[in-house]
Amino acid sequence: MIFCDTITFLFGYFQVVAEVRARVELNVGQRSHIPAEIVSFEGLKDGEEHVALVFNGADTNQEIPLIRMHSECLTGDVFHSSRCDCGEQLNECIEEMHQHGGVLLYLRQEGRGIGLYNKIDAYVLQSQGMNTYEANNHLGFEDDLRNFSDAVLMLKALGLDHVKLMTNNPRKLNALRNAGIRVESVVGTQAHVKAGESGNRNYLATKVEHGSHMLDIEKINKPKSE
């Protein structure tokens, strides 16, 4: 099914137009058992091919739908890397929205915006003792290069300006509120801890200590055997 819902959004002095390009049904999830709709867009600001997954028609059937902005992570989402919790967060979100409805914005922002190869370069530095932020800085990047203006455009194109947000990241919350999206409440994701020498404990702890993520640091630091 193809149709267009056009909206405008003001960035500085430039008026940016975003619209729904296509919307089609498909099944998603680890067993392809969860019905959803995938939505593509035209006119996004950064030119990336971001998509939305809509569950239970939440953009039209719910007054205040649950939404999540999930940044692409090939190593975590597809390969279930031990270095992060991105794939587990994605699966948790899909299962939650299957039960209660929601809109998942899947943003093409690999490596917090630095790209896949640069992220792998950062992995090398992390293996030498740097944390995720130090590694990005050493490569010449800021802590986080992501911009969530396209996520706002996607929400507006879907007719959403009042939402519940699924996140542990205060930057995402502030980005929506600063753009005029009313956030009714924040729903956190779990701390998906992977033990072992190649696990993600340090990664998660660094997100809390350096990135102010809203995660249970005691659970992160708790040995798995306890």
C-alpha atoms as a PDB file:
ATOM      1  CA  MET A   1       0.000   0.000   0.000  1.00  0.00           C
ATOM      2  CA  ILE A   2       1.484   3.354  -1.052  1.00  0.00           C
ATOM      3  CA  PHE A   3       0.389   6.728   0.216  1.00  0.00           C
ATOM      4  CA  CYS A   4       1.801  10.014   1.437  1.00  0.00           C
ATOM      5  CA  ASP A   5       1.193  12.033   4.578  1.00  0.00           C
ATOM      6  CA  THR A   6       3.160  15.256   4.268  1.00  0.00           C
ATOM      7  CA  ILE A   7       4.395  17.343   7.187  1.00  0.00           C
ATOM      8  CA  THR A   8       6.851  20.177   7.506  1.00  0.00           C
ATOM      9  CA  PHE A   9       9.418  20.794  10.196  1.00  0.00           C
ATOM     10  CA  LEU A  10      11.610  23.845  10.635  1.00  0.00           C
ATOM     11  CA  PHE A  11      15.386  23.446  11.040  1.00  0.00           C
ATOM     12  CA  GLY A  12      17.032  26.855  11.292  1.00  0.00           C
ATOM     13  CA  TYR A  13      15.891  28.799   8.264  1.00  0.00           C
ATOM     14  CA  PHE A  14      15.182  25.736   6.123  1.00  0.00           C
ATOM     15  CA  GLN A  15      11.808  24.080   5.928  1.00  0.00           C
ATOM     16  CA  VAL A  16      12.196  20.314   5.684  1.00  0.00           C
ATOM     17  CA  VAL A  17       9.369  18.209   4.282  1.00  0.00           C
ATOM     18  CA  ALA A  18       8.952  14.580   5.318  1.00  0.00           C
ATOM     19  CA  GLU A  19       6.316  12.161   4.118  1.00  0.00           C
ATOM     20  CA  VAL A  20       5.413   8.508   4.324  1.00  0.00           C
ATOM     21  CA  ARG A  21       6.649   6.786   1.165  1.00  0.00           C
ATOM     22  CA  ALA A  22       5.291   3.256   1.600  1.00  0.00           C
ATOM     23  CA  ARG A  23       3.629   1.135   4.246  1.00  0.00           C
ATOM     24  CA  VAL A  24       3.338  -2.629   4.036  1.00  0.00           C
ATOM     25  CA  GLU A  25       2.537  -5.547   6.345  1.00  0.00           C
ATOM     26  CA  LEU A  26       5.140  -8.120   7.353  1.00  0.00           C
ATOM     27  CA  ASN A  27       5.957 -10.439  10.229  1.00  0.00           C
ATOM     28  CA  VAL A  28       8.993  -9.728  12.407  1.00  0.00           C
ATOM     29  CA  GLY A  29      10.671 -11.084  15.537  1.00  0.00           C
ATOM     30  CA  GLN A  30      13.143 -13.901  16.078  1.00  0.00           C
ATOM     31  CA  ARG A  31      10.622 -16.476  14.774  1.00  0.00           C
ATOM     32  CA  SER A  32       8.903 -14.154  12.271  1.00  0.00           C
ATOM     33  CA  HIS A  33       5.749 -14.558  14.334  1.00  0.00           C
ATOM     34  CA  ILE A  34       4.859 -10.954  15.168  1.00  0.00           C
ATOM     35  CA  PRO A  35       2.650  -8.984  12.756  1.00  0.00           C
ATOM     36  CA  ALA A  36       3.739  -5.423  12.043  1.00  0.00           C
ATOM     37  CA  GLU A  37       3.844  -2.799   9.321  1.00  0.00           C
ATOM     38  CA  ILE A  38       7.090  -1.384   7.955  1.00  0.00           C
ATOM     39  CA  VAL A  39       7.049   2.254   6.900  1.00  0.00           C
ATOM     40  CA  SER A  40       9.545   4.094   4.693  1.00  0.00           C
ATOM     41  CA  PHE A  41       9.879   7.860   4.320  1.00  0.00           C
ATOM     42  CA  GLU A  42      10.749  10.557   1.795  1.00  0.00           C
ATOM     43  CA  GLY A  43      12.449  13.854   2.578  1.00  0.00           C
ATOM     44  CA  LEU A  44      14.309  12.998   5.749  1.00  0.00           C
ATOM     45  CA  LYS A  45      16.950  15.537   6.651  1.00  0.00           C
ATOM     46  CA  ASP A  46      20.096  13.379   6.604  1.00  0.00           C
ATOM     47  CA  GLY A  47      19.148  11.289   3.563  1.00  0.00           C
ATOM     48  CA  GLU A  48      19.438   7.967   5.399  1.00  0.00           C
ATOM     49  CA  GLU A  49      16.964   5.134   4.848  1.00  0.00           C
ATOM     50  CA  HIS A  50      15.411   5.094   8.327  1.00  0.00           C
ATOM     51  CA  VAL A  51      12.271   2.982   8.758  1.00  0.00           C
ATOM     52  CA  ALA A  52       9.482   2.576  11.288  1.00  0.00           C
ATOM     53  CA  LEU A  53       7.828  -0.612  12.474  1.00  0.00           C
ATOM     54  CA  VAL A  54       4.237  -0.097  13.597  1.00  0.00           C
ATOM     55  CA  PHE A  55       2.626  -2.693  15.859  1.00  0.00           C
ATOM     56  CA  ASN A  56      -1.133  -3.088  16.330  1.00  0.00           C
ATOM     57  CA  GLY A  57      -1.810   0.060  14.289  1.00  0.00           C
ATOM     58  CA  ALA A  58      -0.553   2.091  17.238  1.00  0.00           C
ATOM     59  CA  ASP A  59      -0.114   5.320  15.271  1.00  0.00           C
ATOM     60  CA  THR A  60      -3.838   5.454  14.504  1.00  0.00           C
ATOM     61  CA  ASN A  61      -5.410   3.235  17.190  1.00  0.00           C
ATOM     62  CA  GLN A  62      -3.694   4.592  20.306  1.00  0.00           C
ATOM     63  CA  GLU A  63      -3.936   8.095  21.697  1.00  0.00           C
ATOM     64  CA  ILE A  64      -0.490   7.969  23.341  1.00  0.00           C
ATOM     65  CA  PRO A  65       1.498   5.125  21.759  1.00  0.00           C
ATOM     66  CA  LEU A  66       4.755   3.684  23.033  1.00  0.00           C
ATOM     67  CA  ILE A  67       7.681   4.555  20.761  1.00  0.00           C
ATOM     68  CA  ARG A  68      11.360   3.660  20.691  1.00  0.00           C
ATOM     69  CA  MET A  69      14.234   5.160  18.731  1.00  0.00           C
ATOM     70  CA  HIS A  70      16.635   2.281  18.096  1.00  0.00           C
ATOM     71  CA  SER A  71      19.957   3.028  16.434  1.00  0.00           C
ATOM     72  CA  GLU A  72      21.147   0.363  14.022  1.00  0.00           C
ATOM     73  CA  CYS A  73      23.809  -2.008  15.370  1.00  0.00           C
ATOM     74  CA  LEU A  74      24.788  -4.707  12.895  1.00  0.00           C
ATOM     75  CA  THR A  75      27.050  -6.505  15.353  1.00  0.00           C
ATOM     76  CA  GLY A  76      24.405  -6.560  18.080  1.00  0.00           C
ATOM     77  CA  ASP A  77      21.091  -6.668  16.200  1.00  0.00           C
ATOM     78  CA  VAL A  78      22.151  -9.300  13.645  1.00  0.00           C
ATOM     79  CA  PHE A  79      25.185 -11.109  15.079  1.00  0.00           C
ATOM     80  CA  HIS A  80      24.242 -10.826  18.799  1.00  0.00           C
ATOM     81  CA  SER A  81      27.688  -9.552  19.749  1.00  0.00           C
ATOM     82  CA  SER A  82      28.834 -10.008  23.335  1.00  0.00           C
ATOM     83  CA  ARG A  83      30.146  -6.425  23.361  1.00  0.00           C
ATOM     84  CA  CYS A  84      26.771  -4.656  23.632  1.00  0.00           C
ATOM     85  CA  ASP A  85      23.108  -5.198  24.472  1.00  0.00           C
ATOM     86  CA  CYS A  86      21.585  -3.708  21.315  1.00  0.00           C
ATOM     87  CA  GLY A  87      20.114  -6.933  19.958  1.00  0.00           C
ATOM     88  CA  GLU A  88      18.542  -7.777  23.301  1.00  0.00           C
ATOM     89  CA  GLN A  89      17.064  -4.288  23.578  1.00  0.00           C
ATOM     90  CA  LEU A  90      15.629  -4.604  20.073  1.00  0.00           C
ATOM     91  CA  ASN A  91      14.053  -7.975  20.838  1.00  0.00           C
ATOM     92  CA  GLU A  92      12.674  -6.694  24.148  1.00  0.00           C
ATOM     93  CA  CYS A  93      11.109  -3.738  22.354  1.00  0.00           C
ATOM     94  CA  ILE A  94       9.528  -5.882  19.627  1.00  0.00           C
ATOM     95  CA  GLU A  95       8.042  -8.274  22.194  1.00  0.00           C
ATOM     96  CA  GLU A  96       6.690  -5.389  24.294  1.00  0.00           C
ATOM     97  CA  MET A  97       5.115  -3.699  21.282  1.00  0.00           C
ATOM     98  CA  HIS A  98       3.671  -7.013  20.108  1.00  0.00           C
ATOM     99  CA  GLN A  99       1.786  -7.198  23.400  1.00  0.00           C
ATOM    100  CA  HIS A 100       0.812  -3.566  23.817  1.00  0.00           C
ATOM    101  CA  GLY A 101       1.314  -1.848  20.475  1.00  0.00           C
ATOM    102  CA  GLY A 102       3.861   0.780  19.586  1.00  0.00           C
ATOM    103  CA  VAL A 103       6.092   2.363  16.972  1.00  0.00           C
ATOM    104  CA  LEU A 104       9.750   1.385  16.610  1.00  0.00           C
ATOM    105  CA  LEU A 105      11.902   3.901  14.744  1.00  0.00           C
ATOM    106  CA  TYR A 106      14.901   2.013  13.342  1.00  0.00           C
ATOM    107  CA  LEU A 107      17.575   4.628  12.695  1.00  0.00           C
ATOM    108  CA  ARG A 108      20.597   4.019  10.456  1.00  0.00           C
ATOM    109  CA  GLN A 109      23.112   5.365  12.979  1.00  0.00           C
ATOM    110  CA  GLU A 110      25.680   2.593  13.262  1.00  0.00           C
ATOM    111  CA  GLY A 111      28.214   3.042  16.057  1.00  0.00           C
ATOM    112  CA  ARG A 112      26.470   6.088  17.558  1.00  0.00           C
ATOM    113  CA  GLY A 113      26.886   7.725  14.164  1.00  0.00           C
ATOM    114  CA  ILE A 114      30.521   6.902  13.319  1.00  0.00           C
ATOM    115  CA  GLY A 115      29.771   4.010  10.945  1.00  0.00           C
ATOM    116  CA  LEU A 116      30.466   0.290  10.978  1.00  0.00           C
ATOM    117  CA  TYR A 117      34.166   0.225  10.062  1.00  0.00           C
ATOM    118  CA  ASN A 118      34.981   3.007  12.511  1.00  0.00           C
ATOM    119  CA  LYS A 119      33.069   1.109  15.183  1.00  0.00           C
ATOM    120  CA  ILE A 120      35.191  -1.968  14.520  1.00  0.00           C
ATOM    121  CA  ASP A 121      38.293   0.230  14.793  1.00  0.00           C
ATOM    122  CA  ALA A 122      36.909   1.382  18.139  1.00  0.00           C
ATOM    123  CA  TYR A 123      36.507  -2.269  19.171  1.00  0.00           C
ATOM    124  CA  VAL A 124      40.255  -2.713  18.656  1.00  0.00           C
ATOM    125  CA  LEU A 125      40.941   0.168  21.034  1.00  0.00           C
ATOM    126  CA  GLN A 126      38.416  -1.178  23.535  1.00  0.00           C
ATOM    127  CA  SER A 127      40.268  -4.501  23.473  1.00  0.00           C
ATOM    128  CA  GLN A 128      43.351  -2.524  24.516  1.00  0.00           C
ATOM    129  CA  GLY A 129      41.589  -1.061  27.558  1.00  0.00           C
ATOM    130  CA  MET A 130      39.680   2.013  26.392  1.00  0.00           C
ATOM    131  CA  ASN A 131      35.974   2.376  27.075  1.00  0.00           C
ATOM    132  CA  THR A 132      33.515   2.993  24.254  1.00  0.00           C
ATOM    133  CA  TYR A 133      33.617   6.784  24.597  1.00  0.00           C
ATOM    134  CA  GLU A 134      37.415   6.965  24.940  1.00  0.00           C
ATOM    135  CA  ALA A 135      37.817   4.835  21.832  1.00  0.00           C
ATOM    136  CA  ASN A 136      35.547   7.084  19.770  1.00  0.00           C
ATOM    137  CA  ASN A 137      37.392  10.171  21.026  1.00  0.00           C
ATOM    138  CA  HIS A 138      40.764   8.607  20.192  1.00  0.00           C
ATOM    139  CA  LEU A 139      39.560   8.100  16.612  1.00  0.00           C
ATOM    140  CA  GLY A 140      38.677  11.791  16.401  1.00  0.00           C
ATOM    141  CA  PHE A 141      34.930  11.535  17.028  1.00  0.00           C
ATOM    142  CA  GLU A 142      32.744  13.097  19.683  1.00  0.00           C
ATOM    143  CA  ASP A 143      31.073  10.908  22.292  1.00  0.00           C
ATOM    144  CA  ASP A 144      27.888  10.625  20.249  1.00  0.00           C
ATOM    145  CA  LEU A 145      27.366  11.889  16.690  1.00  0.00           C
ATOM    146  CA  ARG A 146      23.700  10.965  16.476  1.00  0.00           C
ATOM    147  CA  ASN A 147      21.084  13.560  15.625  1.00  0.00           C
ATOM    148  CA  PHE A 148      17.462  12.674  16.271  1.00  0.00           C
ATOM    149  CA  SER A 149      15.833  15.325  14.077  1.00  0.00           C
ATOM    150  CA  ASP A 150      14.858  12.674  11.518  1.00  0.00           C
ATOM    151  CA  ALA A 151      13.153  10.676  14.258  1.00  0.00           C
ATOM    152  CA  VAL A 152      11.028  13.740  14.980  1.00  0.00           C
ATOM    153  CA  LEU A 153      10.160  14.048  11.291  1.00  0.00           C
ATOM    154  CA  MET A 154       9.176  10.375  11.196  1.00  0.00           C
ATOM    155  CA  LEU A 155       6.899  10.789  14.201  1.00  0.00           C
ATOM    156  CA  LYS A 156       5.309  13.867  12.689  1.00  0.00           C
ATOM    157  CA  ALA A 157       4.795  12.083   9.363  1.00  0.00           C
ATOM    158  CA  LEU A 158       2.921   9.390  11.290  1.00  0.00           C
ATOM    159  CA  GLY A 159       0.833  12.047  13.017  1.00  0.00           C
ATOM    160  CA  LEU A 160       2.410  11.539  16.438  1.00  0.00           C
ATOM    161  CA  ASP A 161       3.235  14.384  18.809  1.00  0.00           C
ATOM    162  CA  HIS A 162       2.263  12.815  22.167  1.00  0.00           C
ATOM    163  CA  VAL A 163       4.033   9.576  23.082  1.00  0.00           C
ATOM    164  CA  LYS A 164       5.431   7.275  25.715  1.00  0.00           C
ATOM    165  CA  LEU A 165       9.159   6.742  25.157  1.00  0.00           C
ATOM    166  CA  MET A 166      11.011   3.467  25.643  1.00  0.00           C
ATOM    167  CA  THR A 167      14.614   4.358  26.438  1.00  0.00           C
ATOM    168  CA  ASN A 168      17.351   4.523  29.059  1.00  0.00           C
ATOM    169  CA  ASN A 169      19.064   7.395  27.254  1.00  0.00           C
ATOM    170  CA  PRO A 170      18.324  10.949  28.472  1.00  0.00           C
ATOM    171  CA  ARG A 171      19.626  12.415  25.187  1.00  0.00           C
ATOM    172  CA  LYS A 172      16.762  10.798  23.301  1.00  0.00           C
ATOM    173  CA  LEU A 173      14.225  12.091  25.797  1.00  0.00           C
ATOM    174  CA  ASN A 174      15.618  15.615  25.588  1.00  0.00           C
ATOM    175  CA  ALA A 175      15.758  15.491  21.779  1.00  0.00           C
ATOM    176  CA  LEU A 176      12.043  14.776  21.543  1.00  0.00           C
ATOM    177  CA  ARG A 177      11.021  17.310  24.152  1.00  0.00           C
ATOM    178  CA  ASN A 178      13.206  20.022  22.624  1.00  0.00           C
ATOM    179  CA  ALA A 179      11.525  19.390  19.264  1.00  0.00           C
ATOM    180  CA  GLY A 180       8.059  19.843  20.715  1.00  0.00           C
ATOM    181  CA  ILE A 181       7.092  16.173  21.096  1.00  0.00           C
ATOM    182  CA  ARG A 182       5.154  15.667  24.317  1.00  0.00           C
ATOM    183  CA  VAL A 183       6.582  12.694  26.224  1.00  0.00           C
ATOM    184  CA  GLU A 184       3.966  11.416  28.644  1.00  0.00           C
ATOM    185  CA  SER A 185       6.253   8.915  30.368  1.00  0.00           C
ATOM    186  CA  VAL A 186       9.519   7.017  29.985  1.00  0.00           C
ATOM    187  CA  VAL A 187       9.697   3.227  30.005  1.00  0.00           C
ATOM    188  CA  GLY A 188      13.172   1.798  30.547  1.00  0.00           C
ATOM    189  CA  THR A 189      14.630  -1.336  29.005  1.00  0.00           C
ATOM    190  CA  GLN A 190      16.301  -4.018  31.077  1.00  0.00           C
ATOM    191  CA  ALA A 191      20.022  -4.237  31.732  1.00  0.00           C
ATOM    192  CA  HIS A 192      20.988  -7.160  29.500  1.00  0.00           C
ATOM    193  CA  VAL A 193      24.246  -8.268  31.103  1.00  0.00           C
ATOM    194  CA  LYS A 194      26.568 -10.693  29.318  1.00  0.00           C
ATOM    195  CA  ALA A 195      29.171 -12.178  31.626  1.00  0.00           C
ATOM    196  CA  GLY A 196      32.664 -13.349  30.782  1.00  0.00           C
ATOM    197  CA  GLU A 197      35.888 -11.759  29.642  1.00  0.00           C
ATOM    198  CA  SER A 198      34.325 -10.615  26.365  1.00  0.00           C
ATOM    199  CA  GLY A 199      31.042  -9.588  27.988  1.00  0.00           C
ATOM    200  CA  ASN A 200      29.386  -6.194  28.111  1.00  0.00           C
ATOM    201  CA  ARG A 201      29.584  -5.258  31.811  1.00  0.00           C
ATOM    202  CA  ASN A 202      32.109  -2.469  31.245  1.00  0.00           C
ATOM    203  CA  TYR A 203      30.148  -1.218  28.245  1.00  0.00           C
ATOM    204  CA  LEU A 204      26.933  -0.967  30.270  1.00  0.00           C
ATOM    205  CA  ALA A 205      28.659   0.559  33.293  1.00  0.00           C
ATOM    206  CA  THR A 206      30.289   3.180  31.064  1.00  0.00           C
ATOM    207  CA  LYS A 207      26.912   4.099  29.577  1.00  0.00           C
ATOM    208  CA  VAL A 208      25.668   4.772  33.108  1.00  0.00           C
ATOM    209  CA  GLU A 209      28.745   6.594  34.411  1.00  0.00           C
ATOM    210  CA  HIS A 210      29.673   8.569  31.296  1.00  0.00           C
ATOM    211  CA  GLY A 211      26.434   8.738  29.320  1.00  0.00           C
ATOM    212  CA  SER A 212      24.015   9.073  32.275  1.00  0.00           C
ATOM    213  CA  HIS A 213      21.924   6.169  31.006  1.00  0.00           C
ATOM    214  CA  MET A 214      19.161   5.119  33.371  1.00  0.00           C
ATOM    215  CA  LEU A 215      20.268   1.560  34.130  1.00  0.00           C
ATOM    216  CA  ASP A 216      20.599  -0.387  37.384  1.00  0.00           C
ATOM    217  CA  ILE A 217      24.352  -0.206  38.010  1.00  0.00           C
ATOM    218  CA  GLU A 218      24.100  -2.697  40.904  1.00  0.00           C
ATOM    219  CA  LYS A 219      22.576  -5.312  38.598  1.00  0.00           C
ATOM    220  CA  ILE A 220      25.273  -4.634  36.008  1.00  0.00           C
ATOM    221  CA  ASN A 221      28.081  -5.147  38.528  1.00  0.00           C
ATOM    222  CA  LYS A 222      26.493  -8.140  40.252  1.00  0.00           C
ATOM    223  CA  PRO A 223      28.255 -11.455  39.489  1.00  0.00           C
ATOM    224  CA  LYS A 224      26.050 -13.796  37.488  1.00  0.00           C
ATOM    225  CA  SER A 225      26.424 -16.595  40.055  1.00  0.00           C
ATOM    226  CA  GLU A 226      24.713 -14.560  42.796  1.00  0.00           C
END
